[in-house]
C-alpha atoms as a PDB file:
ATOM      1  CA  MET A   1      16.619  47.885  18.306  1.00  0.00           C
ATOM      2  CA  LYS A   2      14.228  46.112  15.947  1.00  0.00           C
ATOM      3  CA  ILE A   3      11.760  48.371  14.153  1.00  0.00           C
ATOM      4  CA  HIS A   4       8.243  47.012  13.725  1.00  0.00           C
ATOM      5  CA  ALA A   5       5.616  48.344  11.334  1.00  0.00           C
ATOM      6  CA  ILE A   6       1.913  47.609  11.120  1.00  0.00           C
ATOM      7  CA  VAL A   7       0.639  47.694   7.542  1.00  0.00           C
ATOM      8  CA  ARG A   8      -2.708  46.933   5.924  1.00  0.00           C
ATOM      9  CA  PRO A   9      -3.405  46.755   2.169  1.00  0.00           C
ATOM     10  CA  PRO A  10      -6.318  48.640   0.630  1.00  0.00           C
ATOM     11  CA  GLY A  11      -9.709  46.997   0.888  1.00  0.00           C
ATOM     12  CA  ARG A  12     -12.050  46.331  -2.009  1.00  0.00           C
ATOM     13  CA  ASN A  13     -13.878  49.655  -1.474  1.00  0.00           C
ATOM     14  CA  PHE A  14     -10.667  51.730  -1.615  1.00  0.00           C
ATOM     15  CA  LYS A  15     -12.086  53.797  -4.472  1.00  0.00           C
ATOM     16  CA  SER A  16     -14.584  55.291  -1.991  1.00  0.00           C
ATOM     17  CA  CYS A  17     -11.767  56.863   0.045  1.00  0.00           C
ATOM     18  CA  LEU A  18     -12.123  60.418   1.314  1.00  0.00           C
ATOM     19  CA  SER A  19     -10.373  62.596  -1.245  1.00  0.00           C
ATOM     20  CA  GLU A  20     -10.256  66.062  -2.755  1.00  0.00           C
ATOM     21  CA  HIS A  21      -7.656  65.018  -5.326  1.00  0.00           C
ATOM     22  CA  PRO A  22      -8.635  66.040  -8.889  1.00  0.00           C
ATOM     23  CA  LEU A  23      -7.630  62.622 -10.264  1.00  0.00           C
ATOM     24  CA  HIS A  24      -9.466  60.575  -7.632  1.00  0.00           C
ATOM     25  CA  HIS A  25     -11.871  59.262 -10.286  1.00  0.00           C
ATOM     26  CA  THR A  26      -8.949  57.612 -12.129  1.00  0.00           C
ATOM     27  CA  LEU A  27      -7.839  55.482  -9.160  1.00  0.00           C
ATOM     28  CA  ASP A  28      -6.673  52.015 -10.228  1.00  0.00           C
ATOM     29  CA  PHE A  29      -7.249  49.489  -7.428  1.00  0.00           C
ATOM     30  CA  GLU A  30      -4.996  46.773  -8.847  1.00  0.00           C
ATOM     31  CA  LEU A  31      -2.173  49.262  -9.275  1.00  0.00           C
ATOM     32  CA  ALA A  32      -2.705  50.425  -5.688  1.00  0.00           C
ATOM     33  CA  LEU A  33      -2.239  46.837  -4.502  1.00  0.00           C
ATOM     34  CA  GLU A  34       0.989  46.567  -6.508  1.00  0.00           C
ATOM     35  CA  GLN A  35       2.288  49.854  -5.099  1.00  0.00           C
ATOM     36  CA  HIS A  36       1.439  48.793  -1.546  1.00  0.00           C
ATOM     37  CA  LYS A  37       3.273  45.494  -2.068  1.00  0.00           C
ATOM     38  CA  LYS A  38       6.346  47.391  -3.289  1.00  0.00           C
ATOM     39  CA  TYR A  39       6.126  49.734  -0.284  1.00  0.00           C
ATOM     40  CA  CYS A  40       6.050  46.766   2.111  1.00  0.00           C
ATOM     41  CA  GLN A  41       8.945  45.076   0.329  1.00  0.00           C
ATOM     42  CA  THR A  42      10.986  48.275   0.623  1.00  0.00           C
ATOM     43  CA  LEU A  43      10.421  48.407   4.382  1.00  0.00           C
ATOM     44  CA  GLU A  44      11.416  44.755   4.721  1.00  0.00           C
ATOM     45  CA  ASP A  45      14.544  45.350   2.642  1.00  0.00           C
ATOM     46  CA  LEU A  46      15.478  48.082   5.133  1.00  0.00           C
ATOM     47  CA  GLY A  47      15.194  45.610   8.019  1.00  0.00           C
ATOM     48  CA  VAL A  48      11.725  46.506   9.280  1.00  0.00           C
ATOM     49  CA  ASP A  49       9.669  43.674  10.812  1.00  0.00           C
ATOM     50  CA  LEU A  50       6.206  43.906   9.253  1.00  0.00           C
ATOM     51  CA  ILE A  51       2.959  43.032  10.989  1.00  0.00           C
ATOM     52  CA  LYS A  52       0.594  42.540   8.067  1.00  0.00           C
ATOM     53  CA  LEU A  53      -3.119  42.935   8.718  1.00  0.00           C
ATOM     54  CA  ASP A  54      -5.899  41.681   6.476  1.00  0.00           C
ATOM     55  CA  PRO A  55      -7.736  44.302   4.400  1.00  0.00           C
ATOM     56  CA  ASP A  56     -10.666  46.081   6.047  1.00  0.00           C
ATOM     57  CA  ASP A  57     -13.334  46.212   3.354  1.00  0.00           C
ATOM     58  CA  GLU A  58     -15.753  48.166   5.542  1.00  0.00           C
ATOM     59  CA  HIS A  59     -13.535  51.262   5.769  1.00  0.00           C
ATOM     60  CA  PRO A  60     -12.255  52.697   2.463  1.00  0.00           C
ATOM     61  CA  ASP A  61      -9.392  54.621   4.101  1.00  0.00           C
ATOM     62  CA  SER A  62      -8.250  51.783   6.366  1.00  0.00           C
ATOM     63  CA  CYS A  63      -4.925  51.235   4.570  1.00  0.00           C
ATOM     64  CA  PHE A  64      -3.847  54.596   6.019  1.00  0.00           C
ATOM     65  CA  VAL A  65      -3.115  52.963   9.353  1.00  0.00           C
ATOM     66  CA  GLU A  66      -0.925  55.784  10.667  1.00  0.00           C
ATOM     67  CA  ASP A  67      -3.985  57.915  11.408  1.00  0.00           C
ATOM     68  CA  THR A  68      -5.352  55.404  13.927  1.00  0.00           C
ATOM     69  CA  VAL A  69      -2.720  55.744  16.648  1.00  0.00           C
ATOM     70  CA  VAL A  70       0.292  57.674  17.974  1.00  0.00           C
ATOM     71  CA  VAL A  71       2.998  55.532  19.572  1.00  0.00           C
ATOM     72  CA  HIS A  72       5.712  56.781  21.903  1.00  0.00           C
ATOM     73  CA  ALA A  73       7.998  54.687  24.131  1.00  0.00           C
ATOM     74  CA  ASN A  74       5.865  52.053  25.893  1.00  0.00           C
ATOM     75  CA  ARG A  75       2.525  53.802  25.312  1.00  0.00           C
ATOM     76  CA  ALA A  76       0.071  54.226  22.457  1.00  0.00           C
ATOM     77  CA  MET A  77      -2.769  56.724  22.044  1.00  0.00           C
ATOM     78  CA  ILE A  78      -5.631  55.429  19.919  1.00  0.00           C
ATOM     79  CA  THR A  79      -6.916  58.399  17.968  1.00  0.00           C
ATOM     80  CA  ARG A  80     -10.428  59.687  17.423  1.00  0.00           C
ATOM     81  CA  MET A  81     -10.944  60.498  13.763  1.00  0.00           C
ATOM     82  CA  ALA A  82     -12.554  63.757  12.714  1.00  0.00           C
ATOM     83  CA  LYS A  83     -14.563  61.954  10.028  1.00  0.00           C
ATOM     84  CA  GLU A  84     -17.099  59.534  11.488  1.00  0.00           C
ATOM     85  CA  SER A  85     -16.762  57.266   8.460  1.00  0.00           C
ATOM     86  CA  ARG A  86     -13.208  56.464   9.593  1.00  0.00           C
ATOM     87  CA  ARG A  87     -14.036  55.603  13.181  1.00  0.00           C
ATOM     88  CA  GLY A  88     -13.745  51.867  13.590  1.00  0.00           C
ATOM     89  CA  GLU A  89     -10.513  51.573  11.626  1.00  0.00           C
ATOM     90  CA  SER A  90      -8.579  51.473  14.889  1.00  0.00           C
ATOM     91  CA  ASP A  91     -10.246  48.378  16.403  1.00  0.00           C
ATOM     92  CA  ARG A  92      -7.834  45.871  14.869  1.00  0.00           C
ATOM     93  CA  ILE A  93      -4.867  48.210  15.391  1.00  0.00           C
ATOM     94  CA  GLU A  94      -5.633  48.479  19.105  1.00  0.00           C
ATOM     95  CA  ALA A  95      -5.881  44.705  19.437  1.00  0.00           C
ATOM     96  CA  VAL A  96      -2.438  44.242  17.858  1.00  0.00           C
ATOM     97  CA  LEU A  97      -0.689  47.079  19.687  1.00  0.00           C
ATOM     98  CA  SER A  98      -2.061  46.015  23.068  1.00  0.00           C
ATOM     99  CA  GLU A  99       0.395  43.116  22.887  1.00  0.00           C
ATOM    100  CA  PHE A 100       3.280  45.608  22.833  1.00  0.00           C
ATOM    101  CA  LYS A 101       2.112  48.862  24.446  1.00  0.00           C
ATOM    102  CA  GLN A 102      -0.052  50.381  27.170  1.00  0.00           C
ATOM    103  CA  ILE A 103      -3.156  51.746  25.449  1.00  0.00           C
ATOM    104  CA  GLU A 104      -5.362  54.800  25.991  1.00  0.00           C
ATOM    105  CA  SER A 105      -7.924  56.372  23.650  1.00  0.00           C
ATOM    106  CA  VAL A 106      -8.810  59.962  22.797  1.00  0.00           C
ATOM    107  CA  LYS A 107     -12.168  60.931  24.280  1.00  0.00           C
ATOM    108  CA  ALA A 108     -14.757  63.327  22.816  1.00  0.00           C
ATOM    109  CA  PRO A 109     -14.687  66.206  22.093  1.00  0.00           C
ATOM    110  CA  GLY A 110     -11.040  65.577  21.266  1.00  0.00           C
ATOM    111  CA  THR A 111     -10.029  64.647  17.729  1.00  0.00           C
ATOM    112  CA  LEU A 112      -6.579  63.435  16.773  1.00  0.00           C
ATOM    113  CA  GLU A 113      -5.115  61.757  13.697  1.00  0.00           C
ATOM    114  CA  GLY A 114      -1.637  60.308  13.367  1.00  0.00           C
ATOM    115  CA  GLY A 115      -1.035  62.251  10.166  1.00  0.00           C
ATOM    116  CA  ASP A 116      -0.923  65.376  12.326  1.00  0.00           C
ATOM    117  CA  VAL A 117       1.874  64.153  14.601  1.00  0.00           C
ATOM    118  CA  VAL A 118       5.580  64.440  13.753  1.00  0.00           C
ATOM    119  CA  HIS A 119       8.010  62.593  16.024  1.00  0.00           C
ATOM    120  CA  LEU A 120      10.941  64.831  16.981  1.00  0.00           C
ATOM    121  CA  PRO A 121      13.926  63.712  19.127  1.00  0.00           C
ATOM    122  CA  ASP A 122      12.554  64.983  22.449  1.00  0.00           C
ATOM    123  CA  SER A 123       8.979  66.043  21.648  1.00  0.00           C
ATOM    124  CA  LEU A 124       6.059  65.661  19.297  1.00  0.00           C
ATOM    125  CA  LEU A 125       4.950  68.284  16.802  1.00  0.00           C
ATOM    126  CA  CYS A 126       1.161  68.294  16.431  1.00  0.00           C
ATOM    127  CA  GLY A 127      -0.803  70.117  13.793  1.00  0.00           C
ATOM    128  CA  ILE A 128      -4.089  71.711  14.833  1.00  0.00           C
ATOM    129  CA  THR A 129      -5.883  71.251  11.527  1.00  0.00           C
ATOM    130  CA  LYS A 130      -9.135  70.184   9.906  1.00  0.00           C
ATOM    131  CA  ARG A 131      -8.649  66.746  11.495  1.00  0.00           C
ATOM    132  CA  THR A 132      -7.011  67.361  14.907  1.00  0.00           C
ATOM    133  CA  ASN A 133      -8.090  69.778  17.622  1.00  0.00           C
ATOM    134  CA  SER A 134      -6.411  71.197  20.720  1.00  0.00           C
ATOM    135  CA  GLU A 135      -8.280  68.864  23.071  1.00  0.00           C
ATOM    136  CA  GLY A 136      -6.974  65.842  21.202  1.00  0.00           C
ATOM    137  CA  ALA A 137      -3.425  67.202  21.361  1.00  0.00           C
ATOM    138  CA  THR A 138      -3.764  67.843  25.101  1.00  0.00           C
ATOM    139  CA  GLN A 139      -4.997  64.313  25.804  1.00  0.00           C
ATOM    140  CA  MET A 140      -2.118  62.903  23.760  1.00  0.00           C
ATOM    141  CA  GLU A 141       0.469  64.942  25.666  1.00  0.00           C
ATOM    142  CA  ARG A 142      -0.970  63.831  28.993  1.00  0.00           C
ATOM    143  CA  TRP A 143      -1.017  60.108  28.150  1.00  0.00           C
ATOM    144  CA  LEU A 144       2.240  59.826  26.207  1.00  0.00           C
ATOM    145  CA  GLU A 145       4.102  61.975  28.764  1.00  0.00           C
ATOM    146  CA  ILE A 146       6.136  63.888  26.195  1.00  0.00           C
ATOM    147  CA  PRO A 147       6.077  67.623  25.344  1.00  0.00           C
ATOM    148  CA  VAL A 148       3.797  68.445  22.410  1.00  0.00           C
ATOM    149  CA  LEU A 149       4.544  71.473  20.227  1.00  0.00           C
ATOM    150  CA  LEU A 150       1.714  72.958  18.189  1.00  0.00           C
ATOM    151  CA  ILE A 151       1.351  74.476  14.740  1.00  0.00           C
ATOM    152  CA  LYS A 152      -2.163  75.698  14.006  1.00  0.00           C
ATOM    153  CA  ASP A 153      -3.452  75.802  10.435  1.00  0.00           C
ATOM    154  CA  LEU A 154      -7.130  75.039  10.025  1.00  0.00           C
ATOM    155  CA  ASN A 155      -6.825  75.165   6.221  1.00  0.00           C
ATOM    156  CA  ILE A 156      -4.911  71.898   5.902  1.00  0.00           C
ATOM    157  CA  MET A 157      -5.796  68.252   6.446  1.00  0.00           C
ATOM    158  CA  HIS A 158      -2.576  66.944   8.031  1.00  0.00           C
ATOM    159  CA  ILE A 159       0.678  68.633   9.040  1.00  0.00           C
ATOM    160  CA  LYS A 160       2.756  65.708   7.717  1.00  0.00           C
ATOM    161  CA  SER A 161       1.918  66.789   4.191  1.00  0.00           C
ATOM    162  CA  HIS A 162       4.016  69.859   4.989  1.00  0.00           C
ATOM    163  CA  ILE A 163       6.638  68.846   7.588  1.00  0.00           C
ATOM    164  CA  THR A 164       8.512  65.623   8.320  1.00  0.00           C
ATOM    165  CA  TYR A 165      11.558  64.864  10.441  1.00  0.00           C
ATOM    166  CA  LEU A 166      14.482  63.159   8.678  1.00  0.00           C
ATOM    167  CA  GLU A 167      16.856  62.428  11.610  1.00  0.00           C
ATOM    168  CA  ARG A 168      20.086  64.330  12.436  1.00  0.00           C
ATOM    169  CA  ASN A 169      18.068  67.342  13.646  1.00  0.00           C
ATOM    170  CA  THR A 170      16.840  67.935  10.091  1.00  0.00           C
ATOM    171  CA  ILE A 171      13.309  68.607   8.896  1.00  0.00           C
ATOM    172  CA  LEU A 172      11.799  68.788   5.431  1.00  0.00           C
ATOM    173  CA  VAL A 173       9.423  71.741   5.379  1.00  0.00           C
ATOM    174  CA  ASN A 174       6.937  73.592   3.183  1.00  0.00           C
ATOM    175  CA  PRO A 175       8.097  77.226   2.766  1.00  0.00           C
ATOM    176  CA  ARG A 176       4.917  78.505   4.440  1.00  0.00           C
ATOM    177  CA  TYR A 177       6.053  77.127   7.819  1.00  0.00           C
ATOM    178  CA  VAL A 178       9.777  77.796   7.645  1.00  0.00           C
ATOM    179  CA  GLU A 179       9.607  80.831   9.979  1.00  0.00           C
ATOM    180  CA  ASP A 180       7.402  79.183  12.604  1.00  0.00           C
ATOM    181  CA  PRO A 181       9.186  79.601  15.948  1.00  0.00           C
ATOM    182  CA  VAL A 182       8.653  75.978  17.045  1.00  0.00           C
ATOM    183  CA  LEU A 183      10.877  74.901  14.129  1.00  0.00           C
ATOM    184  CA  GLU A 184      13.708  77.295  14.950  1.00  0.00           C
ATOM    185  CA  PRO A 185      16.002  74.637  16.550  1.00  0.00           C
ATOM    186  CA  TYR A 186      16.084  72.445  13.443  1.00  0.00           C
ATOM    187  CA  SER A 187      18.126  72.425  10.268  1.00  0.00           C
ATOM    188  CA  LYS A 188      15.678  72.883   7.412  1.00  0.00           C
ATOM    189  CA  ILE A 189      15.453  71.532   3.900  1.00  0.00           C
ATOM    190  CA  VAL A 190      12.959  73.923   2.325  1.00  0.00           C
ATOM    191  CA  LEU A 191      10.826  72.424  -0.407  1.00  0.00           C
ATOM    192  CA  PRO A 192      10.790  73.989  -3.881  1.00  0.00           C
ATOM    193  CA  PRO A 193       7.575  75.978  -4.462  1.00  0.00           C
ATOM    194  CA  GLU A 194       6.461  73.598  -7.213  1.00  0.00           C
ATOM    195  CA  GLU A 195       6.850  70.639  -4.821  1.00  0.00           C
ATOM    196  CA  MET A 196       5.718  72.275  -1.597  1.00  0.00           C
ATOM    197  CA  HIS A 197       3.431  69.332  -0.762  1.00  0.00           C
ATOM    198  CA  SER A 198       6.196  66.714  -1.064  1.00  0.00           C
ATOM    199  CA  ALA A 199       7.162  66.817   2.615  1.00  0.00           C
ATOM    200  CA  ASN A 200       5.440  63.537   3.470  1.00  0.00           C
ATOM    201  CA  THR A 201       8.452  61.225   3.613  1.00  0.00           C
ATOM    202  CA  LEU A 202       9.365  58.160   5.652  1.00  0.00           C
ATOM    203  CA  THR A 203      12.825  57.804   7.188  1.00  0.00           C
ATOM    204  CA  ILE A 204      14.324  54.448   8.173  1.00  0.00           C
ATOM    205  CA  GLY A 205      17.841  54.931   9.541  1.00  0.00           C
ATOM    206  CA  ASN A 206      19.665  57.102   7.012  1.00  0.00           C
ATOM    207  CA  VAL A 207      17.287  56.229   4.173  1.00  0.00           C
ATOM    208  CA  VAL A 208      14.467  58.598   3.245  1.00  0.00           C
ATOM    209  CA  ILE A 209      11.609  57.104   1.224  1.00  0.00           C
ATOM    210  CA  MET A 210      10.026  59.715  -1.035  1.00  0.00           C
ATOM    211  CA  SER A 211       7.441  59.946  -3.789  1.00  0.00           C
ATOM    212  CA  ALA A 212       8.664  59.310  -7.327  1.00  0.00           C
ATOM    213  CA  ARG A 213       6.930  62.527  -8.375  1.00  0.00           C
ATOM    214  CA  HIS A 214       9.183  64.781  -6.313  1.00  0.00           C
ATOM    215  CA  ASN A 215      12.593  64.721  -7.995  1.00  0.00           C
ATOM    216  CA  LYS A 216      13.722  68.212  -6.989  1.00  0.00           C
ATOM    217  CA  SER A 217      12.921  67.589  -3.324  1.00  0.00           C
ATOM    218  CA  SER A 218      14.646  64.206  -3.492  1.00  0.00           C
ATOM    219  CA  GLN A 219      17.798  65.843  -4.839  1.00  0.00           C
ATOM    220  CA  LEU A 220      17.815  68.327  -1.944  1.00  0.00           C
ATOM    221  CA  VAL A 221      17.538  65.468   0.556  1.00  0.00           C
ATOM    222  CA  LYS A 222      20.420  63.632  -1.142  1.00  0.00           C
ATOM    223  CA  GLU A 223      22.541  66.784  -1.010  1.00  0.00           C
ATOM    224  CA  ALA A 224      21.888  66.938   2.749  1.00  0.00           C
ATOM    225  CA  GLY A 225      23.603  63.569   3.130  1.00  0.00           C
ATOM    226  CA  PHE A 226      20.688  61.132   3.162  1.00  0.00           C
ATOM    227  CA  ASP A 227      20.123  58.116   0.956  1.00  0.00           C
ATOM    228  CA  VAL A 228      16.851  58.309  -0.953  1.00  0.00           C
ATOM    229  CA  ILE A 229      14.500  55.649  -2.315  1.00  0.00           C
ATOM    230  CA  GLN A 230      11.715  56.935  -4.557  1.00  0.00           C
ATOM    231  CA  LEU A 231       8.483  54.986  -4.877  1.00  0.00           C
ATOM    232  CA  ASN A 232       5.528  55.486  -7.175  1.00  0.00           C
ATOM    233  CA  MET A 233       2.612  56.158  -4.792  1.00  0.00           C
ATOM    234  CA  SER A 234       0.235  57.655  -7.367  1.00  0.00           C
ATOM    235  CA  GLU A 235      -2.899  55.713  -6.382  1.00  0.00           C
ATOM    236  CA  PHE A 236      -2.540  56.576  -2.692  1.00  0.00           C
ATOM    237  CA  GLU A 237      -1.915  60.220  -3.533  1.00  0.00           C
ATOM    238  CA  LYS A 238      -5.284  60.155  -5.333  1.00  0.00           C
ATOM    239  CA  CYS A 239      -6.788  59.391  -1.901  1.00  0.00           C
ATOM    240  CA  ASP A 240      -4.882  62.296  -0.307  1.00  0.00           C
ATOM    241  CA  GLY A 241      -2.498  59.764   1.245  1.00  0.00           C
ATOM    242  CA  ALA A 242       1.263  59.365   1.195  1.00  0.00           C
ATOM    243  CA  LEU A 243       4.228  57.420   2.533  1.00  0.00           C
ATOM    244  CA  THR A 244       3.923  57.845   6.285  1.00  0.00           C
ATOM    245  CA  CYS A 245       0.190  57.138   6.169  1.00  0.00           C
ATOM    246  CA  LEU A 246       0.667  53.498   5.215  1.00  0.00           C
ATOM    247  CA  SER A 247       2.511  52.237   8.289  1.00  0.00           C
ATOM    248  CA  ILE A 248       2.717  52.493  12.073  1.00  0.00           C
ATOM    249  CA  LEU A 249       6.364  52.352  13.111  1.00  0.00           C
ATOM    250  CA  PHE A 250       7.336  51.359  16.640  1.00  0.00           C
END
């Protein structure tokens, strides 16, 4: 089955992105554009059909399209961002996805962001975090008609910075969550303490795309039998973003 991905390059105001990264002030916009182009080329090389949107200069975080929607089967749930400055990013996404999927939107007081949703074989794992609340998770479960498992940690922004699914019943996981009972059924690749935030990876078939900064984690993934492509995502990491954030796969 053909894999599609919606992508959108950073807009001209990307430097105003929401970020707590200590090197945010060093963000290089031109380098970010180059890195995004390389990311898109990598997806295309892996056989993904890209739907390329124009930049959204009104919303600094709009390149992080994953946060705008959660897609499952023939349905899509348009999210409701926790930060009001990000609401509006989903308008163009909804227009595109409506050609492929049945659409519903999260209603207040629910909040939900795609960076808090991990797609597992028969369920979704949703983080209850700074950006997603229980009401948002409940609305998503109801509309997408798939079981939603919860991990609550109000100290983090998105659960995908700590857990991603790699295929073959295998997850990449930050040590702090390794004993969580909802993860018990899965084989675990536990991140090294010095790279505990390197879990945000993107898997296409048997290929896992990972940050160039995380060599120890990449080696563990290779040893588990996956092929690995490492990309330099430095400028997106300065906006607290990563690999999954930059595309909507369906």
